[in-house]
Amino acid sequence: MMPRREHQHATRRTIREPQFD
């Protein structure tokens, strides 16, 4: 659902925001 560009940024947020995964 998310673009690949956002995915890189989301990878870091995955630790702080599990729901972002």
N, C-alpha and C. Protein backbone atom coordinates (compact mmCIF):
# COMPACT_ATOMS: atom_id res chain seq x y z
N MET A 1 0.84 -1.21 0.00
CA MET A 1 0.00 0.00 0.00
C MET A 1 0.87 1.26 0.00
N MET A 2 1.97 1.20 0.75
CA MET A 2 2.84 2.37 0.81
C MET A 2 3.87 2.34 -0.31
N PRO A 3 4.25 3.51 -0.80
CA PRO A 3 5.29 3.59 -1.84
C PRO A 3 6.64 3.13 -1.30
N ARG A 4 7.53 2.74 -2.21
CA ARG A 4 8.83 2.23 -1.77
C ARG A 4 9.64 3.33 -1.08
N ARG A 5 9.45 4.57 -1.51
CA ARG A 5 10.22 5.67 -0.89
C ARG A 5 9.82 5.82 0.58
N GLU A 6 8.53 5.68 0.86
CA GLU A 6 8.07 5.80 2.25
C GLU A 6 8.49 4.58 3.06
N HIS A 7 8.61 3.45 2.37
CA HIS A 7 8.93 2.20 3.06
C HIS A 7 10.26 2.32 3.80
N GLN A 8 11.23 2.97 3.19
CA GLN A 8 12.53 3.12 3.83
C GLN A 8 12.38 3.92 5.12
N HIS A 9 11.56 4.94 5.07
CA HIS A 9 11.36 5.78 6.25
C HIS A 9 10.53 5.02 7.30
N ALA A 10 9.61 4.22 6.81
CA ALA A 10 8.74 3.48 7.72
C ALA A 10 9.53 2.41 8.48
N THR A 11 10.59 1.91 7.84
CA THR A 11 11.37 0.86 8.49
C THR A 11 11.88 1.33 9.85
N ARG A 12 12.26 2.60 9.93
CA ARG A 12 12.75 3.13 11.21
C ARG A 12 11.60 3.33 12.19
N ARG A 13 10.45 3.73 11.68
CA ARG A 13 9.31 3.99 12.56
C ARG A 13 8.71 2.68 13.07
N THR A 14 9.02 1.59 12.37
CA THR A 14 8.45 0.30 12.78
C THR A 14 8.81 0.00 14.23
N ILE A 15 9.99 0.45 14.67
CA ILE A 15 10.42 0.18 16.04
C ILE A 15 9.62 1.02 17.03
N ARG A 16 9.40 2.28 16.66
CA ARG A 16 8.64 3.16 17.57
C ARG A 16 7.14 2.99 17.39
N GLU A 17 6.70 2.76 16.15
CA GLU A 17 5.27 2.60 15.89
C GLU A 17 5.01 1.27 15.20
N PRO A 18 4.70 0.22 15.98
CA PRO A 18 4.43 -1.10 15.41
C PRO A 18 3.26 -1.07 14.43
N GLN A 19 2.30 -0.21 14.67
CA GLN A 19 1.13 -0.14 13.80
C GLN A 19 1.52 0.38 12.41
N PHE A 20 2.67 1.04 12.32
CA PHE A 20 3.11 1.59 11.05
C PHE A 20 3.59 0.48 10.12
N ASP A 21 3.93 -0.67 10.71
CA ASP A 21 4.45 -1.77 9.91
C ASP A 21 3.42 -2.19 8.87
